[in-house]
């Protein structure tokens, strides 16, 4: 028995629960929570032109950390408009209230049952953060995420929410042929059911927030804000042109 045990991989170490944020990683086939030593410190006041989106996600997160009912959130829209940044900024706003963030890559979503099992017994409130989320047909993580959003036979954990960003409103590509429900060219009898199944994942998020591209003046205001954030007060015509 001792020889057999020596061949087996060592049990995973307990996560470092003193951290504020973690990234789900793998080592020799086993998943574990890797603490992020220096989380990206963004403040909500640093983010401009998304006041309504900030207000909605802040209200939802405040309810969550206070133990009230809150929604999973899907943030969609143009790239570079603050979808990921607003989620990261929540840590600066609510970490003192017990908020923590676990970042999970799309390919690791199949481990969500294992991740939620680790988190559900903790006193903290966790956002499982999936950045730049999208699926292709047949992705294993698609169904795993649906189970977490919907719940399974097990009760959904009250201290876990999913916040996801995506450039796709429905998270999975749709094709023109799928709209031609009256044409059955040797395929499914009810192709509309398949289309509805594809679009149903985004419907399981209780809150949708849309982000839109900035116009020129809004973009320059954002550029000036970030220069100010890094201690550069000057924003003259030369810098404006470079931006």
C-alpha atoms as a PDB file:
ATOM      1  CA  UNK A   1       0.000   0.000   0.000  1.00  0.00           C
ATOM      2  CA  UNK A   2       2.829   2.407   0.827  1.00  0.00           C
ATOM      3  CA  UNK A   3       4.395   1.808  -2.602  1.00  0.00           C
ATOM      4  CA  UNK A   4       1.063   2.488  -4.284  1.00  0.00           C
ATOM      5  CA  UNK A   5       0.553   5.701  -2.345  1.00  0.00           C
ATOM      6  CA  UNK A   6       3.993   6.911  -3.388  1.00  0.00           C
ATOM      7  CA  UNK A   7       2.915   6.680  -7.040  1.00  0.00           C
ATOM      8  CA  UNK A   8      -0.257   8.713  -6.538  1.00  0.00           C
ATOM      9  CA  UNK A   9      -0.166  12.517  -6.857  1.00  0.00           C
ATOM     10  CA  UNK A  10      -0.127  14.431  -3.604  1.00  0.00           C
ATOM     11  CA  UNK A  11      -3.484  15.835  -2.509  1.00  0.00           C
ATOM     12  CA  UNK A  12      -3.944  19.486  -3.459  1.00  0.00           C
ATOM     13  CA  UNK A  13      -2.968  22.036  -0.843  1.00  0.00           C
ATOM     14  CA  UNK A  14      -5.661  24.133   0.782  1.00  0.00           C
ATOM     15  CA  UNK A  15      -6.184  27.484  -0.971  1.00  0.00           C
ATOM     16  CA  UNK A  16      -4.675  30.574   0.568  1.00  0.00           C
ATOM     17  CA  UNK A  17      -7.888  32.135   1.823  1.00  0.00           C
ATOM     18  CA  UNK A  18      -6.113  35.331   2.905  1.00  0.00           C
ATOM     19  CA  UNK A  19      -5.963  36.462  -0.745  1.00  0.00           C
ATOM     20  CA  UNK A  20      -8.541  38.764  -2.336  1.00  0.00           C
ATOM     21  CA  UNK A  21      -8.524  37.119  -5.756  1.00  0.00           C
ATOM     22  CA  UNK A  22      -7.549  33.804  -7.313  1.00  0.00           C
ATOM     23  CA  UNK A  23      -7.066  32.266 -10.731  1.00  0.00           C
ATOM     24  CA  UNK A  24      -8.136  28.669 -11.381  1.00  0.00           C
ATOM     25  CA  UNK A  25      -5.096  26.741 -12.620  1.00  0.00           C
ATOM     26  CA  UNK A  26      -4.092  23.157 -13.322  1.00  0.00           C
ATOM     27  CA  UNK A  27      -1.047  21.159 -12.254  1.00  0.00           C
ATOM     28  CA  UNK A  28      -0.617  17.535 -13.323  1.00  0.00           C
ATOM     29  CA  UNK A  29      -4.285  17.277 -14.161  1.00  0.00           C
ATOM     30  CA  UNK A  30      -5.538  18.736 -10.886  1.00  0.00           C
ATOM     31  CA  UNK A  31      -7.231  22.086 -10.547  1.00  0.00           C
ATOM     32  CA  UNK A  32      -6.418  24.500  -7.749  1.00  0.00           C
ATOM     33  CA  UNK A  33      -6.947  28.135  -6.743  1.00  0.00           C
ATOM     34  CA  UNK A  34      -3.789  30.155  -7.329  1.00  0.00           C
ATOM     35  CA  UNK A  35      -3.813  33.396  -5.311  1.00  0.00           C
ATOM     36  CA  UNK A  36      -3.247  36.594  -7.291  1.00  0.00           C
ATOM     37  CA  UNK A  37      -0.661  38.456  -5.268  1.00  0.00           C
ATOM     38  CA  UNK A  38      -1.273  41.854  -6.860  1.00  0.00           C
ATOM     39  CA  UNK A  39      -4.839  42.231  -8.183  1.00  0.00           C
ATOM     40  CA  UNK A  40      -5.385  45.027 -10.692  1.00  0.00           C
ATOM     41  CA  UNK A  41      -6.438  47.929  -8.482  1.00  0.00           C
ATOM     42  CA  UNK A  42      -9.020  49.909 -10.449  1.00  0.00           C
ATOM     43  CA  UNK A  43     -11.559  52.211  -8.816  1.00  0.00           C
ATOM     44  CA  UNK A  44     -15.045  52.837 -10.128  1.00  0.00           C
ATOM     45  CA  UNK A  45     -14.268  56.555 -10.221  1.00  0.00           C
ATOM     46  CA  UNK A  46     -11.556  55.816 -12.817  1.00  0.00           C
ATOM     47  CA  UNK A  47     -14.158  54.583 -15.316  1.00  0.00           C
ATOM     48  CA  UNK A  48     -15.992  57.130 -17.439  1.00  0.00           C
ATOM     49  CA  UNK A  49     -18.975  57.118 -19.843  1.00  0.00           C
ATOM     50  CA  UNK A  50     -20.548  54.033 -18.244  1.00  0.00           C
ATOM     51  CA  UNK A  51     -22.337  55.619 -15.298  1.00  0.00           C
ATOM     52  CA  UNK A  52     -25.564  53.649 -15.744  1.00  0.00           C
ATOM     53  CA  UNK A  53     -23.730  50.329 -16.056  1.00  0.00           C
ATOM     54  CA  UNK A  54     -21.637  51.133 -12.969  1.00  0.00           C
ATOM     55  CA  UNK A  55     -24.736  52.008 -10.972  1.00  0.00           C
ATOM     56  CA  UNK A  56     -26.526  48.769 -11.880  1.00  0.00           C
ATOM     57  CA  UNK A  57     -23.630  46.395 -11.223  1.00  0.00           C
ATOM     58  CA  UNK A  58     -22.731  48.250  -7.997  1.00  0.00           C
ATOM     59  CA  UNK A  59     -26.296  47.960  -6.710  1.00  0.00           C
ATOM     60  CA  UNK A  60     -26.397  44.257  -7.568  1.00  0.00           C
ATOM     61  CA  UNK A  61     -23.029  43.574  -5.908  1.00  0.00           C
ATOM     62  CA  UNK A  62     -23.967  45.548  -2.794  1.00  0.00           C
ATOM     63  CA  UNK A  63     -27.075  43.392  -2.408  1.00  0.00           C
ATOM     64  CA  UNK A  64     -24.929  40.282  -2.870  1.00  0.00           C
ATOM     65  CA  UNK A  65     -22.366  41.073  -0.149  1.00  0.00           C
ATOM     66  CA  UNK A  66     -25.171  42.106   2.230  1.00  0.00           C
ATOM     67  CA  UNK A  67     -26.783  38.685   1.871  1.00  0.00           C
ATOM     68  CA  UNK A  68     -29.760  39.744  -0.227  1.00  0.00           C
ATOM     69  CA  UNK A  69     -30.903  38.260  -3.528  1.00  0.00           C
ATOM     70  CA  UNK A  70     -28.658  39.250  -6.437  1.00  0.00           C
ATOM     71  CA  UNK A  71     -28.257  38.332 -10.091  1.00  0.00           C
ATOM     72  CA  UNK A  72     -25.608  36.721 -12.225  1.00  0.00           C
ATOM     73  CA  UNK A  73     -24.454  39.399 -14.680  1.00  0.00           C
ATOM     74  CA  UNK A  74     -23.595  39.276 -18.390  1.00  0.00           C
ATOM     75  CA  UNK A  75     -21.711  42.304 -19.722  1.00  0.00           C
ATOM     76  CA  UNK A  76     -21.686  42.539 -23.511  1.00  0.00           C
ATOM     77  CA  UNK A  77     -20.633  45.043 -26.130  1.00  0.00           C
ATOM     78  CA  UNK A  78     -17.713  46.613 -27.923  1.00  0.00           C
ATOM     79  CA  UNK A  79     -14.156  45.885 -26.857  1.00  0.00           C
ATOM     80  CA  UNK A  80     -12.307  48.472 -24.798  1.00  0.00           C
ATOM     81  CA  UNK A  81     -15.416  50.026 -23.287  1.00  0.00           C
ATOM     82  CA  UNK A  82     -14.854  48.939 -19.682  1.00  0.00           C
ATOM     83  CA  UNK A  83     -16.612  45.572 -19.337  1.00  0.00           C
ATOM     84  CA  UNK A  84     -13.716  43.815 -17.619  1.00  0.00           C
ATOM     85  CA  UNK A  85     -12.523  46.913 -15.782  1.00  0.00           C
ATOM     86  CA  UNK A  86     -15.841  47.497 -14.041  1.00  0.00           C
ATOM     87  CA  UNK A  87     -15.793  43.940 -12.651  1.00  0.00           C
ATOM     88  CA  UNK A  88     -12.210  44.352 -11.408  1.00  0.00           C
ATOM     89  CA  UNK A  89     -13.147  47.679  -9.813  1.00  0.00           C
ATOM     90  CA  UNK A  90     -15.763  45.938  -7.670  1.00  0.00           C
ATOM     91  CA  UNK A  91     -12.952  44.315  -5.691  1.00  0.00           C
ATOM     92  CA  UNK A  92     -11.623  47.715  -4.636  1.00  0.00           C
ATOM     93  CA  UNK A  93     -15.140  48.796  -3.707  1.00  0.00           C
ATOM     94  CA  UNK A  94     -16.359  45.722  -1.812  1.00  0.00           C
ATOM     95  CA  UNK A  95     -13.354  43.655  -0.652  1.00  0.00           C
ATOM     96  CA  UNK A  96     -13.758  45.151   2.832  1.00  0.00           C
ATOM     97  CA  UNK A  97     -17.286  43.674   2.843  1.00  0.00           C
ATOM     98  CA  UNK A  98     -16.028  40.167   2.074  1.00  0.00           C
ATOM     99  CA  UNK A  99     -16.156  40.211  -1.737  1.00  0.00           C
ATOM    100  CA  UNK A 100     -13.634  37.975  -3.493  1.00  0.00           C
ATOM    101  CA  UNK A 101     -13.048  37.197  -7.185  1.00  0.00           C
ATOM    102  CA  UNK A 102     -12.120  33.875  -8.798  1.00  0.00           C
ATOM    103  CA  UNK A 103     -11.061  34.190 -12.442  1.00  0.00           C
ATOM    104  CA  UNK A 104     -11.847  31.133 -14.573  1.00  0.00           C
ATOM    105  CA  UNK A 105     -10.831  30.730 -18.215  1.00  0.00           C
ATOM    106  CA  UNK A 106     -13.407  29.496 -20.685  1.00  0.00           C
ATOM    107  CA  UNK A 107     -11.680  26.136 -21.186  1.00  0.00           C
ATOM    108  CA  UNK A 108     -11.795  25.519 -17.422  1.00  0.00           C
ATOM    109  CA  UNK A 109     -15.539  26.018 -17.011  1.00  0.00           C
ATOM    110  CA  UNK A 110     -15.975  22.246 -16.923  1.00  0.00           C
ATOM    111  CA  UNK A 111     -14.385  22.478 -13.446  1.00  0.00           C
ATOM    112  CA  UNK A 112     -17.144  24.765 -12.127  1.00  0.00           C
ATOM    113  CA  UNK A 113     -18.699  22.038  -9.925  1.00  0.00           C
ATOM    114  CA  UNK A 114     -15.299  21.513  -8.289  1.00  0.00           C
ATOM    115  CA  UNK A 115     -14.768  25.256  -7.875  1.00  0.00           C
ATOM    116  CA  UNK A 116     -18.185  25.889  -6.332  1.00  0.00           C
ATOM    117  CA  UNK A 117     -17.649  22.961  -3.944  1.00  0.00           C
ATOM    118  CA  UNK A 118     -14.536  24.731  -2.613  1.00  0.00           C
ATOM    119  CA  UNK A 119     -16.265  28.098  -2.252  1.00  0.00           C
ATOM    120  CA  UNK A 120     -19.723  27.310  -0.952  1.00  0.00           C
ATOM    121  CA  UNK A 121     -18.625  26.557   2.627  1.00  0.00           C
ATOM    122  CA  UNK A 122     -16.722  29.844   2.974  1.00  0.00           C
ATOM    123  CA  UNK A 123     -18.066  32.952   4.707  1.00  0.00           C
ATOM    124  CA  UNK A 124     -16.876  35.273   1.935  1.00  0.00           C
ATOM    125  CA  UNK A 125     -18.926  36.170  -1.154  1.00  0.00           C
ATOM    126  CA  UNK A 126     -17.341  35.104  -4.439  1.00  0.00           C
ATOM    127  CA  UNK A 127     -17.703  36.382  -7.984  1.00  0.00           C
ATOM    128  CA  UNK A 128     -16.669  33.721 -10.482  1.00  0.00           C
ATOM    129  CA  UNK A 129     -15.358  35.943 -13.289  1.00  0.00           C
ATOM    130  CA  UNK A 130     -15.285  34.657 -16.878  1.00  0.00           C
ATOM    131  CA  UNK A 131     -13.688  37.218 -19.194  1.00  0.00           C
ATOM    132  CA  UNK A 132     -14.242  37.324 -22.958  1.00  0.00           C
ATOM    133  CA  UNK A 133     -16.679  34.436 -22.864  1.00  0.00           C
ATOM    134  CA  UNK A 134     -17.930  32.753 -26.022  1.00  0.00           C
ATOM    135  CA  UNK A 135     -18.618  29.199 -27.070  1.00  0.00           C
ATOM    136  CA  UNK A 136     -18.521  27.090 -30.163  1.00  0.00           C
ATOM    137  CA  UNK A 137     -21.015  24.310 -30.714  1.00  0.00           C
ATOM    138  CA  UNK A 138     -20.165  21.321 -28.535  1.00  0.00           C
ATOM    139  CA  UNK A 139     -17.993  23.136 -25.972  1.00  0.00           C
ATOM    140  CA  UNK A 140     -18.093  21.186 -22.702  1.00  0.00           C
ATOM    141  CA  UNK A 141     -18.041  24.332 -20.602  1.00  0.00           C
ATOM    142  CA  UNK A 142     -21.364  25.476 -22.072  1.00  0.00           C
ATOM    143  CA  UNK A 143     -23.406  22.913 -20.151  1.00  0.00           C
ATOM    144  CA  UNK A 144     -21.299  23.274 -17.004  1.00  0.00           C
ATOM    145  CA  UNK A 145     -22.051  26.993 -16.936  1.00  0.00           C
ATOM    146  CA  UNK A 146     -25.750  26.365 -17.523  1.00  0.00           C
ATOM    147  CA  UNK A 147     -25.845  24.049 -14.510  1.00  0.00           C
ATOM    148  CA  UNK A 148     -24.236  26.678 -12.267  1.00  0.00           C
ATOM    149  CA  UNK A 149     -26.597  29.413 -13.491  1.00  0.00           C
ATOM    150  CA  UNK A 150     -29.686  27.222 -13.281  1.00  0.00           C
ATOM    151  CA  UNK A 151     -28.822  25.022 -10.355  1.00  0.00           C
ATOM    152  CA  UNK A 152     -28.857  21.249 -10.366  1.00  0.00           C
ATOM    153  CA  UNK A 153     -30.169  18.770  -7.811  1.00  0.00           C
ATOM    154  CA  UNK A 154     -27.860  20.494  -5.317  1.00  0.00           C
ATOM    155  CA  UNK A 155     -28.962  23.890  -3.986  1.00  0.00           C
ATOM    156  CA  UNK A 156     -27.238  26.830  -5.691  1.00  0.00           C
ATOM    157  CA  UNK A 157     -24.719  28.432  -3.321  1.00  0.00           C
ATOM    158  CA  UNK A 158     -25.856  31.802  -1.944  1.00  0.00           C
ATOM    159  CA  UNK A 159     -22.301  33.111  -1.741  1.00  0.00           C
ATOM    160  CA  UNK A 160     -21.398  32.618  -5.432  1.00  0.00           C
ATOM    161  CA  UNK A 161     -22.356  34.654  -8.490  1.00  0.00           C
ATOM    162  CA  UNK A 162     -21.123  34.484 -12.072  1.00  0.00           C
ATOM    163  CA  UNK A 163     -20.081  37.707 -13.826  1.00  0.00           C
ATOM    164  CA  UNK A 164     -19.105  37.218 -17.472  1.00  0.00           C
ATOM    165  CA  UNK A 165     -18.025  39.532 -20.285  1.00  0.00           C
ATOM    166  CA  UNK A 166     -18.497  38.816 -23.960  1.00  0.00           C
ATOM    167  CA  UNK A 167     -18.492  40.494 -27.353  1.00  0.00           C
ATOM    168  CA  UNK A 168     -21.406  38.224 -28.313  1.00  0.00           C
ATOM    169  CA  UNK A 169     -24.875  38.912 -26.965  1.00  0.00           C
ATOM    170  CA  UNK A 170     -25.865  35.224 -27.133  1.00  0.00           C
ATOM    171  CA  UNK A 171     -22.399  33.774 -26.320  1.00  0.00           C
ATOM    172  CA  UNK A 172     -22.527  31.260 -29.161  1.00  0.00           C
ATOM    173  CA  UNK A 173     -22.503  31.839 -32.951  1.00  0.00           C
ATOM    174  CA  UNK A 174     -25.753  31.725 -34.844  1.00  0.00           C
ATOM    175  CA  UNK A 175     -26.004  31.004 -38.537  1.00  0.00           C
ATOM    176  CA  UNK A 176     -28.394  32.247 -41.176  1.00  0.00           C
ATOM    177  CA  UNK A 177     -29.394  28.684 -42.041  1.00  0.00           C
ATOM    178  CA  UNK A 178     -30.731  28.229 -38.522  1.00  0.00           C
ATOM    179  CA  UNK A 179     -33.414  30.835 -39.234  1.00  0.00           C
ATOM    180  CA  UNK A 180     -34.720  28.910 -42.210  1.00  0.00           C
ATOM    181  CA  UNK A 181     -36.934  26.720 -40.071  1.00  0.00           C
ATOM    182  CA  UNK A 182     -39.207  25.842 -42.945  1.00  0.00           C
ATOM    183  CA  UNK A 183     -36.395  24.255 -44.933  1.00  0.00           C
ATOM    184  CA  UNK A 184     -35.665  20.717 -43.786  1.00  0.00           C
ATOM    185  CA  UNK A 185     -32.836  19.549 -45.973  1.00  0.00           C
ATOM    186  CA  UNK A 186     -32.243  16.217 -44.282  1.00  0.00           C
ATOM    187  CA  UNK A 187     -31.508  17.856 -40.915  1.00  0.00           C
ATOM    188  CA  UNK A 188     -33.500  18.199 -37.722  1.00  0.00           C
ATOM    189  CA  UNK A 189     -37.251  18.015 -37.737  1.00  0.00           C
ATOM    190  CA  UNK A 190     -37.448  21.020 -35.404  1.00  0.00           C
ATOM    191  CA  UNK A 191     -34.325  23.143 -36.039  1.00  0.00           C
ATOM    192  CA  UNK A 192     -35.881  26.011 -34.074  1.00  0.00           C
ATOM    193  CA  UNK A 193     -35.389  24.023 -30.875  1.00  0.00           C
ATOM    194  CA  UNK A 194     -31.651  23.928 -31.508  1.00  0.00           C
ATOM    195  CA  UNK A 195     -31.539  27.680 -32.113  1.00  0.00           C
ATOM    196  CA  UNK A 196     -33.432  28.355 -28.885  1.00  0.00           C
ATOM    197  CA  UNK A 197     -31.047  26.065 -26.992  1.00  0.00           C
ATOM    198  CA  UNK A 198     -28.100  28.077 -28.289  1.00  0.00           C
ATOM    199  CA  UNK A 199     -29.548  31.412 -27.210  1.00  0.00           C
ATOM    200  CA  UNK A 200     -30.893  30.194 -23.874  1.00  0.00           C
ATOM    201  CA  UNK A 201     -27.593  30.433 -21.968  1.00  0.00           C
ATOM    202  CA  UNK A 202     -27.502  34.237 -21.995  1.00  0.00           C
ATOM    203  CA  UNK A 203     -31.141  34.262 -20.856  1.00  0.00           C
ATOM    204  CA  UNK A 204     -30.071  32.529 -17.639  1.00  0.00           C
ATOM    205  CA  UNK A 205     -28.158  35.602 -16.507  1.00  0.00           C
ATOM    206  CA  UNK A 206     -30.502  37.682 -14.379  1.00  0.00           C
ATOM    207  CA  UNK A 207     -28.910  40.974 -15.447  1.00  0.00           C
ATOM    208  CA  UNK A 208     -27.597  42.078 -18.854  1.00  0.00           C
ATOM    209  CA  UNK A 209     -25.487  45.204 -19.208  1.00  0.00           C
ATOM    210  CA  UNK A 210     -24.645  46.566 -22.653  1.00  0.00           C
ATOM    211  CA  UNK A 211     -21.551  48.653 -23.397  1.00  0.00           C
ATOM    212  CA  UNK A 212     -21.197  50.866 -26.459  1.00  0.00           C
ATOM    213  CA  UNK A 213     -18.304  52.367 -28.392  1.00  0.00           C
ATOM    214  CA  UNK A 214     -17.192  55.852 -27.356  1.00  0.00           C
ATOM    215  CA  UNK A 215     -17.345  58.866 -29.597  1.00  0.00           C
ATOM    216  CA  UNK A 216     -14.181  60.940 -30.079  1.00  0.00           C
ATOM    217  CA  UNK A 217     -14.714  63.314 -27.147  1.00  0.00           C
ATOM    218  CA  UNK A 218     -15.616  60.475 -24.769  1.00  0.00           C
ATOM    219  CA  UNK A 219     -12.539  58.522 -25.831  1.00  0.00           C
ATOM    220  CA  UNK A 220     -10.226  61.496 -25.250  1.00  0.00           C
ATOM    221  CA  UNK A 221     -11.785  62.022 -21.810  1.00  0.00           C
ATOM    222  CA  UNK A 222     -10.959  58.399 -20.969  1.00  0.00           C
ATOM    223  CA  UNK A 223      -7.377  58.824 -22.241  1.00  0.00           C
ATOM    224  CA  UNK A 224      -6.949  61.969 -20.112  1.00  0.00           C
ATOM    225  CA  UNK A 225      -8.310  60.149 -17.057  1.00  0.00           C
ATOM    226  CA  UNK A 226      -5.814  57.299 -17.379  1.00  0.00           C
ATOM    227  CA  UNK A 227      -2.909  59.709 -17.837  1.00  0.00           C
ATOM    228  CA  UNK A 228      -4.096  61.477 -14.686  1.00  0.00           C
ATOM    229  CA  UNK A 229      -4.313  58.080 -12.931  1.00  0.00           C
ATOM    230  CA  UNK A 230      -0.624  57.496 -13.680  1.00  0.00           C
ATOM    231  CA  UNK A 231       0.413  60.965 -12.529  1.00  0.00           C
ATOM    232  CA  UNK A 232       0.544  62.739 -15.895  1.00  0.00           C
ATOM    233  CA  UNK A 233      -1.521  65.917 -15.662  1.00  0.00           C
ATOM    234  CA  UNK A 234      -0.680  67.323 -19.074  1.00  0.00           C
ATOM    235  CA  UNK A 235      -3.066  66.633 -21.977  1.00  0.00           C
ATOM    236  CA  UNK A 236      -2.118  69.024 -24.774  1.00  0.00           C
ATOM    237  CA  UNK A 237      -2.827  68.904 -28.499  1.00  0.00           C
ATOM    238  CA  UNK A 238       0.192  66.682 -29.210  1.00  0.00           C
ATOM    239  CA  UNK A 239      -0.909  64.083 -26.667  1.00  0.00           C
ATOM    240  CA  UNK A 240      -4.495  64.338 -27.929  1.00  0.00           C
ATOM    241  CA  UNK A 241      -3.346  63.585 -31.467  1.00  0.00           C
ATOM    242  CA  UNK A 242      -1.274  60.632 -30.249  1.00  0.00           C
ATOM    243  CA  UNK A 243      -4.309  59.255 -28.404  1.00  0.00           C
END
